[in-house]
Amino acid sequence: WRDKDPDENTAENELLIEFSDRFNFANENLSDMTGSGWSTDRGQIYMIYGEPESTNTYSNRQDNTVVEVWRYPSGFEFIFENKFGGFILVRKSII
């Protein structure tokens, strides 16, 4: 982690702090029946890209599925579908 410290003039390693914060957030908020937050599709995307600029959730009453769409300022869009108790990444695109 020392090699990846963005500012060696500070006592903290800002990148390690950010990674730890994302890891903790994922475990606390994105865990589901498939596993701990960091190991889920949503958790992995969150750990790599951080907090999305916007999220939208849609429900389909006919087949009982829930779709979640995460959008980032970079143009990345991730679409997750809740299948068998966990949100699975079904599409990644640049809009």
Protein backbone atom coordinates (compact mmCIF):
# COMPACT_ATOMS: atom_id res chain seq x y z
CA TRP A 1 0.00 0.00 0.00
CA ARG A 2 2.95 2.33 0.56
CA ASP A 3 3.69 2.31 -3.18
CA LYS A 4 0.12 3.38 -3.93
CA ASP A 5 -0.03 6.28 -1.44
CA PRO A 6 -1.14 9.32 -3.49
CA ASP A 7 0.45 11.79 -1.03
CA GLU A 8 3.57 10.53 0.71
CA ASN A 9 3.82 13.81 2.64
CA THR A 10 0.89 12.88 4.89
CA ALA A 11 0.82 10.34 7.71
CA GLU A 12 -2.24 8.62 6.22
CA ASN A 13 -2.46 6.60 3.07
CA GLU A 14 -5.52 8.19 1.47
CA LEU A 15 -5.99 5.36 -1.02
CA LEU A 16 -5.97 2.73 1.72
CA ILE A 17 -8.46 4.77 3.74
CA GLU A 18 -10.77 5.10 0.71
CA PHE A 19 -10.49 1.36 -0.01
CA SER A 20 -11.26 0.49 3.63
CA ASP A 21 -14.25 2.84 3.65
CA ARG A 22 -15.63 1.29 0.46
CA PHE A 23 -15.04 -2.22 1.79
CA ASN A 24 -16.88 -1.43 5.03
CA PHE A 25 -19.76 0.28 3.21
CA ALA A 26 -20.16 -2.68 0.85
CA ASN A 27 -20.27 -5.16 3.72
CA GLU A 28 -22.72 -3.08 5.74
CA ASN A 29 -25.07 -2.14 2.89
CA LEU A 30 -24.67 -4.49 -0.07
CA SER A 31 -24.61 -7.97 1.47
CA ASP A 32 -27.30 -10.35 0.31
CA MET A 33 -28.09 -14.05 0.23
CA THR A 34 -25.18 -14.67 -2.14
CA GLY A 35 -22.54 -13.41 0.28
CA SER A 36 -20.80 -10.59 2.08
CA GLY A 37 -21.09 -7.19 0.44
CA TRP A 38 -17.53 -7.09 -0.90
CA SER A 39 -18.08 -10.37 -2.79
CA THR A 40 -21.38 -9.44 -4.46
CA ASP A 41 -21.60 -7.90 -7.92
CA ARG A 42 -22.86 -4.61 -6.51
CA GLY A 43 -20.16 -4.64 -3.83
CA GLN A 44 -17.38 -5.21 -6.34
CA ILE A 45 -18.62 -2.39 -8.58
CA TYR A 46 -18.91 -0.11 -5.55
CA MET A 47 -15.38 -0.94 -4.42
CA ILE A 48 -13.94 -0.20 -7.88
CA TYR A 49 -16.00 2.84 -8.93
CA GLY A 50 -17.24 4.24 -5.62
CA GLU A 51 -20.64 5.71 -4.95
CA PRO A 52 -22.82 6.06 -8.07
CA GLU A 53 -24.04 9.50 -9.09
CA SER A 54 -27.58 8.11 -9.26
CA THR A 55 -29.42 4.89 -8.61
CA ASN A 56 -32.87 3.87 -9.78
CA THR A 57 -34.83 0.82 -8.74
CA TYR A 58 -37.62 -0.72 -10.82
CA SER A 59 -39.98 -3.55 -9.92
CA ASN A 60 -41.70 -5.90 -12.33
CA ARG A 61 -44.84 -7.23 -10.67
CA GLN A 62 -45.40 -9.87 -13.34
CA ASP A 63 -42.25 -11.87 -12.63
CA ASN A 64 -41.36 -10.38 -9.23
CA THR A 65 -37.93 -9.14 -10.32
CA VAL A 66 -36.25 -5.98 -9.13
CA VAL A 67 -33.81 -4.10 -11.36
CA GLU A 68 -31.34 -1.55 -10.02
CA VAL A 69 -29.50 0.88 -12.32
CA TRP A 70 -26.33 2.67 -11.15
CA ARG A 71 -25.01 5.63 -13.18
CA TYR A 72 -21.63 7.32 -12.83
CA PRO A 73 -20.39 10.74 -14.04
CA SER A 74 -17.91 8.90 -16.30
CA GLY A 75 -20.83 7.60 -18.34
CA PHE A 76 -20.69 4.08 -16.98
CA GLU A 77 -24.04 2.48 -16.30
CA PHE A 78 -24.44 -0.81 -14.44
CA ILE A 79 -27.68 -2.76 -14.41
CA PHE A 80 -28.29 -5.33 -11.69
CA GLU A 81 -31.20 -7.74 -11.50
CA ASN A 82 -32.31 -9.40 -8.30
CA LYS A 83 -32.22 -13.13 -8.94
CA PHE A 84 -32.39 -15.82 -6.29
CA GLY A 85 -31.82 -13.43 -3.38
CA GLY A 86 -28.94 -11.47 -4.83
CA PHE A 87 -28.37 -8.66 -7.31
CA ILE A 88 -26.51 -9.97 -10.35
CA LEU A 89 -24.78 -7.67 -12.83
CA VAL A 90 -26.61 -8.16 -16.11
CA ARG A 91 -25.21 -5.28 -18.16
CA LYS A 92 -22.38 -2.76 -18.10
CA SER A 93 -22.39 0.02 -20.65
CA ILE A 94 -21.17 3.51 -21.39
CA ILE A 95 -24.00 5.90 -22.10
